[in-house]
Amino acid sequence: MVNDYFTPNIKAEVILDTLLTPYIEGIVKSQCGLDGVKFITKEMPFEDERGDNCGKKIDYVLTDKKYIYMVELKTTKGSIGEEQRQAYFDHCLGDGKTFGNVFGEKLLTIGRSLANISVQVQNESDKPWNERVKDVFSKIASKSKLEINWKGDDFYAETAKELLKKEGWQSTYKYLYTMGQLLDKVSDDSDFWEKPLKLIYITPYGGRIVPENYHLSVEEQTIWKKFYVSPDHMPDTSVSLKRVPSYLRKTYKEEEYALLVSDIIEEIYGEEKV
């Protein structure tokens, strides 16, 4: 992994993303001072300029009792790109933006295309969000003639994996698994879909995300300060990967995988004691 990071044309960010997933809740909590955050899903789509479901996505989606946290991972040094920053302002940040009307609607649009639903069911918006997602999930699953009798935990996510595996479904069909994760993890959270959005960035050294030369307007500065979550140690900065090894070693003293991840991150970025 360390060698791959320093090798050209290898997408090391994808591998680091996977390595960090089991600990993302604790990493965010430890540096941002958030209590009760839990991981929901990954690679959640929110914008699609090309119309082929290959638009912008959020790396991790976390939640607590009040908010949805959009967590973005950057594995190389540098600030947020102007195009990406503008995409957040256009689609995700602002009063009235919720997980449902930003991410839920996009996910249902993708799901309807997979299920060949050409016309939205009348008054569908009157249904609870979970019911709307279940309906689309069921219509996609009904395209398969396979018998799925999964009755254990994580019913929808496991059903989605079985269908993807047995049918050989690829590409956009993998959003069936995303739907399954949501249905399994937020079924007891009636307010989930209506929660407002917050943004968190993880970078190698916890640097500033929006440089001063972007010259944000007064309105944009107000929006950014309201919706961007900075680590406790300094405003308008980001969660630092360099602080992760120390956190993992203190928290998971005997866990071999956590120690492996901490060694990999230290080899790449160094370690900042916390």
C-alpha atoms as a PDB file:
ATOM      1  CA  MET A   1       0.000   0.000   0.000  1.00  0.00           C
ATOM      2  CA  VAL A   2       2.773   2.430   0.866  1.00  0.00           C
ATOM      3  CA  ASN A   3       4.643   1.619  -2.328  1.00  0.00           C
ATOM      4  CA  ASP A   4       1.446   1.948  -4.379  1.00  0.00           C
ATOM      5  CA  TYR A   5       0.816   5.404  -2.930  1.00  0.00           C
ATOM      6  CA  PHE A   6       4.128   6.608  -4.344  1.00  0.00           C
ATOM      7  CA  THR A   7       3.685   4.777  -7.662  1.00  0.00           C
ATOM      8  CA  PRO A   8       2.252   6.756 -10.619  1.00  0.00           C
ATOM      9  CA  ASN A   9      -1.168   5.912 -12.088  1.00  0.00           C
ATOM     10  CA  ILE A  10      -2.319   3.892  -9.078  1.00  0.00           C
ATOM     11  CA  LYS A  11      -5.453   5.228  -7.419  1.00  0.00           C
ATOM     12  CA  ALA A  12      -4.214   4.955  -3.856  1.00  0.00           C
ATOM     13  CA  GLU A  13      -7.086   7.125  -2.587  1.00  0.00           C
ATOM     14  CA  VAL A  14      -9.544   4.309  -3.258  1.00  0.00           C
ATOM     15  CA  ILE A  15      -7.467   1.890  -1.185  1.00  0.00           C
ATOM     16  CA  LEU A  16      -7.005   4.372   1.670  1.00  0.00           C
ATOM     17  CA  ASP A  17     -10.737   5.073   1.585  1.00  0.00           C
ATOM     18  CA  THR A  18     -11.410   1.358   2.146  1.00  0.00           C
ATOM     19  CA  LEU A  19      -8.793   1.002   4.888  1.00  0.00           C
ATOM     20  CA  LEU A  20     -10.248   3.937   6.835  1.00  0.00           C
ATOM     21  CA  THR A  21     -13.933   2.973   6.564  1.00  0.00           C
ATOM     22  CA  PRO A  22     -14.132   0.888   9.787  1.00  0.00           C
ATOM     23  CA  TYR A  23     -12.706   3.796  11.799  1.00  0.00           C
ATOM     24  CA  ILE A  24     -14.239   6.796  10.085  1.00  0.00           C
ATOM     25  CA  GLU A  25     -16.764   7.395  12.872  1.00  0.00           C
ATOM     26  CA  GLY A  26     -14.060   7.538  15.541  1.00  0.00           C
ATOM     27  CA  ILE A  27     -11.678   9.623  13.432  1.00  0.00           C
ATOM     28  CA  VAL A  28     -14.326  12.287  12.851  1.00  0.00           C
ATOM     29  CA  LYS A  29     -15.521  12.170  16.453  1.00  0.00           C
ATOM     30  CA  SER A  30     -12.020  12.470  17.907  1.00  0.00           C
ATOM     31  CA  GLN A  31     -11.002  15.518  15.866  1.00  0.00           C
ATOM     32  CA  CYS A  32     -14.330  17.337  15.456  1.00  0.00           C
ATOM     33  CA  GLY A  33     -15.728  16.681  18.918  1.00  0.00           C
ATOM     34  CA  LEU A  34     -18.919  15.051  17.635  1.00  0.00           C
ATOM     35  CA  ASP A  35     -20.772  12.540  19.782  1.00  0.00           C
ATOM     36  CA  GLY A  36     -22.940   9.700  18.566  1.00  0.00           C
ATOM     37  CA  VAL A  37     -21.942   9.834  14.897  1.00  0.00           C
ATOM     38  CA  LYS A  38     -22.453   6.641  12.928  1.00  0.00           C
ATOM     39  CA  PHE A  39     -21.491   5.533   9.446  1.00  0.00           C
ATOM     40  CA  ILE A  40     -24.333   5.072   6.954  1.00  0.00           C
ATOM     41  CA  THR A  41     -22.939   4.559   3.445  1.00  0.00           C
ATOM     42  CA  LYS A  42     -20.281   5.578   0.908  1.00  0.00           C
ATOM     43  CA  GLU A  43     -20.096   7.091  -2.568  1.00  0.00           C
ATOM     44  CA  MET A  44     -23.472   8.813  -2.307  1.00  0.00           C
ATOM     45  CA  PRO A  45     -24.356  10.690  -5.526  1.00  0.00           C
ATOM     46  CA  PHE A  46     -25.623  14.272  -5.391  1.00  0.00           C
ATOM     47  CA  GLU A  47     -25.008  15.800  -8.833  1.00  0.00           C
ATOM     48  CA  ASP A  48     -24.933  14.431 -12.362  1.00  0.00           C
ATOM     49  CA  GLU A  49     -24.145  16.894 -15.144  1.00  0.00           C
ATOM     50  CA  ARG A  50     -23.628  14.226 -17.818  1.00  0.00           C
ATOM     51  CA  GLY A  51     -26.817  12.271 -17.188  1.00  0.00           C
ATOM     52  CA  ASP A  52     -25.005   8.929 -16.859  1.00  0.00           C
ATOM     53  CA  ASN A  53     -24.868   8.675 -13.033  1.00  0.00           C
ATOM     54  CA  CYS A  54     -21.106   9.364 -13.118  1.00  0.00           C
ATOM     55  CA  GLY A  55     -21.351  12.774 -11.454  1.00  0.00           C
ATOM     56  CA  LYS A  56     -20.075  13.991  -8.103  1.00  0.00           C
ATOM     57  CA  LYS A  57     -20.368  11.793  -5.028  1.00  0.00           C
ATOM     58  CA  ILE A  58     -19.672  12.061  -1.315  1.00  0.00           C
ATOM     59  CA  ASP A  59     -17.019   9.673   0.037  1.00  0.00           C
ATOM     60  CA  TYR A  60     -18.700   8.919   3.383  1.00  0.00           C
ATOM     61  CA  VAL A  61     -22.132   9.691   4.836  1.00  0.00           C
ATOM     62  CA  LEU A  62     -22.352   9.867   8.639  1.00  0.00           C
ATOM     63  CA  THR A  63     -25.171  10.970  10.912  1.00  0.00           C
ATOM     64  CA  ASP A  64     -25.990  11.881  14.501  1.00  0.00           C
ATOM     65  CA  LYS A  65     -29.273  12.954  16.100  1.00  0.00           C
ATOM     66  CA  LYS A  66     -29.317  16.355  14.368  1.00  0.00           C
ATOM     67  CA  TYR A  67     -27.326  16.318  11.118  1.00  0.00           C
ATOM     68  CA  ILE A  68     -26.070  14.392   8.130  1.00  0.00           C
ATOM     69  CA  TYR A  69     -22.303  14.762   7.706  1.00  0.00           C
ATOM     70  CA  MET A  70     -20.891  14.630   4.172  1.00  0.00           C
ATOM     71  CA  VAL A  71     -17.283  13.543   4.671  1.00  0.00           C
ATOM     72  CA  GLU A  72     -14.794  14.000   1.844  1.00  0.00           C
ATOM     73  CA  LEU A  73     -11.352  12.359   1.788  1.00  0.00           C
ATOM     74  CA  LYS A  74      -8.350  13.982   0.084  1.00  0.00           C
ATOM     75  CA  THR A  75      -5.169  11.905   0.154  1.00  0.00           C
ATOM     76  CA  THR A  76      -2.862  14.467  -1.435  1.00  0.00           C
ATOM     77  CA  LYS A  77      -1.955  17.929  -0.196  1.00  0.00           C
ATOM     78  CA  GLY A  78      -3.961  20.807  -1.609  1.00  0.00           C
ATOM     79  CA  SER A  79      -7.120  22.803  -1.124  1.00  0.00           C
ATOM     80  CA  ILE A  80     -10.572  21.996  -2.400  1.00  0.00           C
ATOM     81  CA  GLY A  81     -10.886  22.669  -6.133  1.00  0.00           C
ATOM     82  CA  GLU A  82     -12.988  25.641  -7.201  1.00  0.00           C
ATOM     83  CA  GLU A  83     -15.272  23.405  -9.285  1.00  0.00           C
ATOM     84  CA  GLN A  84     -15.928  21.074  -6.375  1.00  0.00           C
ATOM     85  CA  ARG A  85     -16.460  23.949  -3.960  1.00  0.00           C
ATOM     86  CA  GLN A  86     -19.019  25.458  -6.331  1.00  0.00           C
ATOM     87  CA  ALA A  87     -20.783  22.105  -6.658  1.00  0.00           C
ATOM     88  CA  TYR A  88     -21.311  22.055  -2.884  1.00  0.00           C
ATOM     89  CA  PHE A  89     -22.721  25.579  -2.919  1.00  0.00           C
ATOM     90  CA  ASP A  90     -24.987  24.771  -5.857  1.00  0.00           C
ATOM     91  CA  HIS A  91     -26.339  21.430  -4.656  1.00  0.00           C
ATOM     92  CA  CYS A  92     -25.655  20.719  -0.966  1.00  0.00           C
ATOM     93  CA  LEU A  93     -25.148  23.833   1.147  1.00  0.00           C
ATOM     94  CA  GLY A  94     -27.880  26.224   2.149  1.00  0.00           C
ATOM     95  CA  ASP A  95     -31.004  26.445   4.268  1.00  0.00           C
ATOM     96  CA  GLY A  96     -33.617  23.915   3.273  1.00  0.00           C
ATOM     97  CA  LYS A  97     -31.089  21.384   1.954  1.00  0.00           C
ATOM     98  CA  THR A  98     -31.755  17.991   3.529  1.00  0.00           C
ATOM     99  CA  PHE A  99     -30.516  14.477   2.936  1.00  0.00           C
ATOM    100  CA  GLY A 100     -33.827  13.653   1.285  1.00  0.00           C
ATOM    101  CA  ASN A 101     -34.086  16.487  -1.211  1.00  0.00           C
ATOM    102  CA  VAL A 102     -30.380  16.347  -2.140  1.00  0.00           C
ATOM    103  CA  PHE A 103     -29.420  12.669  -1.972  1.00  0.00           C
ATOM    104  CA  GLY A 104     -32.737  10.848  -1.654  1.00  0.00           C
ATOM    105  CA  GLU A 105     -34.217  12.310  -4.816  1.00  0.00           C
ATOM    106  CA  LYS A 106     -31.051  11.527  -6.774  1.00  0.00           C
ATOM    107  CA  LEU A 107     -31.003   7.931  -5.508  1.00  0.00           C
ATOM    108  CA  LEU A 108     -34.666   7.426  -6.401  1.00  0.00           C
ATOM    109  CA  THR A 109     -34.076   8.830  -9.883  1.00  0.00           C
ATOM    110  CA  ILE A 110     -31.313   6.267 -10.409  1.00  0.00           C
ATOM    111  CA  GLY A 111     -33.492   3.519  -8.930  1.00  0.00           C
ATOM    112  CA  ARG A 112     -36.456   4.321 -11.154  1.00  0.00           C
ATOM    113  CA  SER A 113     -34.249   4.123 -14.238  1.00  0.00           C
ATOM    114  CA  LEU A 114     -33.026   0.669 -13.146  1.00  0.00           C
ATOM    115  CA  ALA A 115     -36.581  -0.506 -12.476  1.00  0.00           C
ATOM    116  CA  ASN A 116     -37.821   0.941 -15.787  1.00  0.00           C
ATOM    117  CA  ILE A 117     -40.336   3.149 -14.006  1.00  0.00           C
ATOM    118  CA  SER A 118     -41.119   5.734 -16.652  1.00  0.00           C
ATOM    119  CA  VAL A 119     -43.679   7.799 -14.718  1.00  0.00           C
ATOM    120  CA  GLN A 120     -43.438   8.672 -11.065  1.00  0.00           C
ATOM    121  CA  VAL A 121     -46.287   7.241  -9.029  1.00  0.00           C
ATOM    122  CA  GLN A 122     -48.875   9.918  -8.326  1.00  0.00           C
ATOM    123  CA  ASN A 123     -48.636  11.399  -4.804  1.00  0.00           C
ATOM    124  CA  GLU A 124     -45.500   9.361  -4.145  1.00  0.00           C
ATOM    125  CA  SER A 125     -44.005  12.345  -2.331  1.00  0.00           C
ATOM    126  CA  ASP A 126     -46.703  11.950   0.314  1.00  0.00           C
ATOM    127  CA  LYS A 127     -45.222   8.599   1.340  1.00  0.00           C
ATOM    128  CA  PRO A 128     -42.530   8.339   4.021  1.00  0.00           C
ATOM    129  CA  TRP A 129     -39.049   8.275   2.520  1.00  0.00           C
ATOM    130  CA  ASN A 130     -38.303   4.733   3.650  1.00  0.00           C
ATOM    131  CA  GLU A 131     -41.453   3.484   1.921  1.00  0.00           C
ATOM    132  CA  ARG A 132     -40.506   5.230  -1.311  1.00  0.00           C
ATOM    133  CA  VAL A 133     -37.052   3.651  -1.274  1.00  0.00           C
ATOM    134  CA  LYS A 134     -38.502   0.225  -0.383  1.00  0.00           C
ATOM    135  CA  ASP A 135     -40.900   0.429  -3.331  1.00  0.00           C
ATOM    136  CA  VAL A 136     -38.097   1.155  -5.800  1.00  0.00           C
ATOM    137  CA  PHE A 137     -35.831  -1.474  -4.186  1.00  0.00           C
ATOM    138  CA  SER A 138     -38.581  -4.095  -4.543  1.00  0.00           C
ATOM    139  CA  LYS A 139     -39.240  -3.212  -8.182  1.00  0.00           C
ATOM    140  CA  ILE A 140     -35.558  -3.586  -9.038  1.00  0.00           C
ATOM    141  CA  ALA A 141     -35.328  -6.878  -7.125  1.00  0.00           C
ATOM    142  CA  SER A 142     -38.419  -8.186  -8.938  1.00  0.00           C
ATOM    143  CA  LYS A 143     -36.439  -8.107 -12.203  1.00  0.00           C
ATOM    144  CA  SER A 144     -34.663 -11.196 -10.894  1.00  0.00           C
ATOM    145  CA  LYS A 145     -36.293 -14.623 -10.756  1.00  0.00           C
ATOM    146  CA  LEU A 146     -33.919 -15.766  -8.052  1.00  0.00           C
ATOM    147  CA  GLU A 147     -35.306 -16.829  -4.700  1.00  0.00           C
ATOM    148  CA  ILE A 148     -33.922 -14.592  -1.977  1.00  0.00           C
ATOM    149  CA  ASN A 149     -34.796 -15.697   1.557  1.00  0.00           C
ATOM    150  CA  TRP A 150     -32.326 -13.744   3.665  1.00  0.00           C
ATOM    151  CA  LYS A 151     -33.835 -13.294   7.138  1.00  0.00           C
ATOM    152  CA  GLY A 152     -30.849 -12.178   9.204  1.00  0.00           C
ATOM    153  CA  ASP A 153     -29.518  -8.763  10.144  1.00  0.00           C
ATOM    154  CA  ASP A 154     -29.004  -6.197   7.403  1.00  0.00           C
ATOM    155  CA  PHE A 155     -31.779  -7.769   5.346  1.00  0.00           C
ATOM    156  CA  TYR A 156     -31.889  -5.254   2.508  1.00  0.00           C
ATOM    157  CA  ALA A 157     -28.124  -4.818   2.123  1.00  0.00           C
ATOM    158  CA  GLU A 158     -27.522  -8.575   2.169  1.00  0.00           C
ATOM    159  CA  THR A 159     -30.373  -9.131  -0.296  1.00  0.00           C
ATOM    160  CA  ALA A 160     -28.829  -6.539  -2.609  1.00  0.00           C
ATOM    161  CA  LYS A 161     -25.431  -8.261  -2.433  1.00  0.00           C
ATOM    162  CA  GLU A 162     -27.011 -11.632  -3.229  1.00  0.00           C
ATOM    163  CA  LEU A 163     -28.822 -10.202  -6.241  1.00  0.00           C
ATOM    164  CA  LEU A 164     -25.747  -8.389  -7.516  1.00  0.00           C
ATOM    165  CA  LYS A 165     -23.670 -11.540  -7.163  1.00  0.00           C
ATOM    166  CA  LYS A 166     -26.122 -14.093  -8.578  1.00  0.00           C
ATOM    167  CA  GLU A 167     -27.410 -11.917 -11.416  1.00  0.00           C
ATOM    168  CA  GLY A 168     -23.998 -10.506 -12.263  1.00  0.00           C
ATOM    169  CA  TRP A 169     -25.406  -6.990 -12.065  1.00  0.00           C
ATOM    170  CA  GLN A 170     -22.696  -4.319 -12.236  1.00  0.00           C
ATOM    171  CA  SER A 171     -22.228  -0.558 -12.601  1.00  0.00           C
ATOM    172  CA  THR A 172     -25.331   1.480 -11.725  1.00  0.00           C
ATOM    173  CA  TYR A 173     -27.076  -1.582 -10.285  1.00  0.00           C
ATOM    174  CA  LYS A 174     -24.731  -1.333  -7.311  1.00  0.00           C
ATOM    175  CA  TYR A 175     -26.898   1.528  -6.057  1.00  0.00           C
ATOM    176  CA  LEU A 176     -29.267  -1.252  -5.004  1.00  0.00           C
ATOM    177  CA  TYR A 177     -26.748  -1.972  -2.247  1.00  0.00           C
ATOM    178  CA  THR A 178     -26.708   1.714  -1.256  1.00  0.00           C
ATOM    179  CA  MET A 179     -30.506   1.624  -0.961  1.00  0.00           C
ATOM    180  CA  GLY A 180     -30.199  -1.515   1.138  1.00  0.00           C
ATOM    181  CA  GLN A 181     -27.737   0.108   3.529  1.00  0.00           C
ATOM    182  CA  LEU A 182     -30.039   3.076   4.005  1.00  0.00           C
ATOM    183  CA  LEU A 183     -33.107   0.920   4.590  1.00  0.00           C
ATOM    184  CA  ASP A 184     -31.275  -1.201   7.166  1.00  0.00           C
ATOM    185  CA  LYS A 185     -29.537   1.601   9.040  1.00  0.00           C
ATOM    186  CA  VAL A 186     -32.117   4.398   9.189  1.00  0.00           C
ATOM    187  CA  SER A 187     -35.387   2.484   9.572  1.00  0.00           C
ATOM    188  CA  ASP A 188     -35.557   3.488  13.263  1.00  0.00           C
ATOM    189  CA  ASP A 189     -34.679   7.145  12.558  1.00  0.00           C
ATOM    190  CA  SER A 190     -37.868   8.779  11.282  1.00  0.00           C
ATOM    191  CA  ASP A 191     -36.153  12.175  10.934  1.00  0.00           C
ATOM    192  CA  PHE A 192     -33.150  10.910   8.965  1.00  0.00           C
ATOM    193  CA  TRP A 193     -34.277  12.052   5.517  1.00  0.00           C
ATOM    194  CA  GLU A 194     -35.176  15.533   6.762  1.00  0.00           C
ATOM    195  CA  LYS A 195     -31.899  16.228   8.562  1.00  0.00           C
ATOM    196  CA  PRO A 196     -29.858  19.213   7.338  1.00  0.00           C
ATOM    197  CA  LEU A 197     -26.414  18.705   5.832  1.00  0.00           C
ATOM    198  CA  LYS A 198     -22.949  19.498   7.149  1.00  0.00           C
ATOM    199  CA  LEU A 199     -19.609  19.121   5.345  1.00  0.00           C
ATOM    200  CA  ILE A 200     -16.335  17.705   6.720  1.00  0.00           C
ATOM    201  CA  TYR A 201     -13.001  17.319   4.925  1.00  0.00           C
ATOM    202  CA  ILE A 202     -10.192  14.891   5.717  1.00  0.00           C
ATOM    203  CA  THR A 203      -6.776  15.864   4.319  1.00  0.00           C
ATOM    204  CA  PRO A 204      -3.178  14.676   4.840  1.00  0.00           C
ATOM    205  CA  TYR A 205      -2.141  17.441   7.239  1.00  0.00           C
ATOM    206  CA  GLY A 206      -5.384  19.130   8.305  1.00  0.00           C
ATOM    207  CA  GLY A 207      -4.849  22.140   6.065  1.00  0.00           C
ATOM    208  CA  ARG A 208      -7.179  24.947   5.116  1.00  0.00           C
ATOM    209  CA  ILE A 209      -9.841  23.846   2.626  1.00  0.00           C
ATOM    210  CA  VAL A 210     -10.976  27.082   0.973  1.00  0.00           C
ATOM    211  CA  PRO A 211      -7.963  29.316   0.250  1.00  0.00           C
ATOM    212  CA  GLU A 212      -8.258  33.074   0.671  1.00  0.00           C
ATOM    213  CA  ASN A 213      -7.725  33.684  -3.045  1.00  0.00           C
ATOM    214  CA  TYR A 214     -11.169  32.226  -3.797  1.00  0.00           C
ATOM    215  CA  HIS A 215     -12.593  35.564  -2.553  1.00  0.00           C
ATOM    216  CA  LEU A 216     -15.880  34.199  -1.259  1.00  0.00           C
ATOM    217  CA  SER A 217     -18.710  36.685  -1.199  1.00  0.00           C
ATOM    218  CA  VAL A 218     -20.197  37.696   2.148  1.00  0.00           C
ATOM    219  CA  GLU A 219     -23.153  35.396   1.467  1.00  0.00           C
ATOM    220  CA  GLU A 220     -20.866  32.477   0.573  1.00  0.00           C
ATOM    221  CA  GLN A 221     -18.758  33.045   3.698  1.00  0.00           C
ATOM    222  CA  THR A 222     -21.908  32.927   5.818  1.00  0.00           C
ATOM    223  CA  ILE A 223     -23.042  29.708   4.157  1.00  0.00           C
ATOM    224  CA  TRP A 224     -19.609  28.126   4.521  1.00  0.00           C
ATOM    225  CA  LYS A 225     -19.236  28.986   8.214  1.00  0.00           C
ATOM    226  CA  LYS A 226     -22.675  27.570   8.938  1.00  0.00           C
ATOM    227  CA  PHE A 227     -22.293  24.277   7.091  1.00  0.00           C
ATOM    228  CA  TYR A 228     -18.585  23.425   7.241  1.00  0.00           C
ATOM    229  CA  VAL A 229     -17.426  21.536  10.355  1.00  0.00           C
ATOM    230  CA  SER A 230     -13.847  22.297  11.370  1.00  0.00           C
ATOM    231  CA  PRO A 231     -11.761  20.251  13.793  1.00  0.00           C
ATOM    232  CA  ASP A 232     -11.634  21.621  17.330  1.00  0.00           C
ATOM    233  CA  HIS A 233      -8.001  22.703  17.110  1.00  0.00           C
ATOM    234  CA  MET A 234      -8.441  25.432  14.459  1.00  0.00           C
ATOM    235  CA  PRO A 235     -11.328  26.941  12.439  1.00  0.00           C
ATOM    236  CA  ASP A 236     -11.662  26.456   8.665  1.00  0.00           C
ATOM    237  CA  THR A 237      -9.167  23.586   8.642  1.00  0.00           C
ATOM    238  CA  SER A 238      -9.704  19.872   8.051  1.00  0.00           C
ATOM    239  CA  VAL A 239      -9.449  16.541   9.816  1.00  0.00           C
ATOM    240  CA  SER A 240      -5.812  15.437   9.637  1.00  0.00           C
ATOM    241  CA  LEU A 241      -4.699  12.000   8.447  1.00  0.00           C
ATOM    242  CA  LYS A 242      -1.402  12.655  10.211  1.00  0.00           C
ATOM    243  CA  ARG A 243      -3.247  12.521  13.546  1.00  0.00           C
ATOM    244  CA  VAL A 244      -4.952   9.203  12.742  1.00  0.00           C
ATOM    245  CA  PRO A 245      -2.069   6.796  13.628  1.00  0.00           C
ATOM    246  CA  SER A 246      -1.858   8.129  17.172  1.00  0.00           C
ATOM    247  CA  TYR A 247      -5.645   7.908  17.560  1.00  0.00           C
ATOM    248  CA  LEU A 248      -5.787   4.318  16.270  1.00  0.00           C
ATOM    249  CA  ARG A 249      -2.950   3.137  18.516  1.00  0.00           C
ATOM    250  CA  LYS A 250      -4.496   4.669  21.611  1.00  0.00           C
ATOM    251  CA  THR A 251      -8.002   3.413  20.861  1.00  0.00           C
ATOM    252  CA  TYR A 252      -7.329  -0.028  19.352  1.00  0.00           C
ATOM    253  CA  LYS A 253      -4.233  -1.159  21.252  1.00  0.00           C
ATOM    254  CA  GLU A 254      -4.631  -4.873  20.554  1.00  0.00           C
ATOM    255  CA  GLU A 255      -6.430  -4.818  17.202  1.00  0.00           C
ATOM    256  CA  GLU A 256      -4.052  -6.038  14.515  1.00  0.00           C
ATOM    257  CA  TYR A 257      -5.898  -4.454  11.574  1.00  0.00           C
ATOM    258  CA  ALA A 258      -6.086  -1.023  13.241  1.00  0.00           C
ATOM    259  CA  LEU A 259      -2.358  -1.155  13.982  1.00  0.00           C
ATOM    260  CA  LEU A 260      -1.671  -2.124  10.361  1.00  0.00           C
ATOM    261  CA  VAL A 261      -3.705   0.850   9.117  1.00  0.00           C
ATOM    262  CA  SER A 262      -1.907   3.167  11.534  1.00  0.00           C
ATOM    263  CA  ASP A 263       1.487   1.927  10.280  1.00  0.00           C
ATOM    264  CA  ILE A 264       0.470   2.490   6.635  1.00  0.00           C
ATOM    265  CA  ILE A 265      -0.742   6.032   7.273  1.00  0.00           C
ATOM    266  CA  GLU A 266       2.353   6.887   9.301  1.00  0.00           C
ATOM    267  CA  GLU A 267       4.623   5.590   6.521  1.00  0.00           C
ATOM    268  CA  ILE A 268       2.866   7.853   4.026  1.00  0.00           C
ATOM    269  CA  TYR A 269       2.148  11.018   6.022  1.00  0.00           C
ATOM    270  CA  GLY A 270       4.042  10.743   9.307  1.00  0.00           C
ATOM    271  CA  GLU A 271       2.448  10.874  12.748  1.00  0.00           C
ATOM    272  CA  GLU A 272       1.261  13.785  14.863  1.00  0.00           C
ATOM    273  CA  LYS A 273       0.931  12.869  18.519  1.00  0.00           C
ATOM    274  CA  VAL A 274      -2.435  13.665  20.103  1.00  0.00           C
END
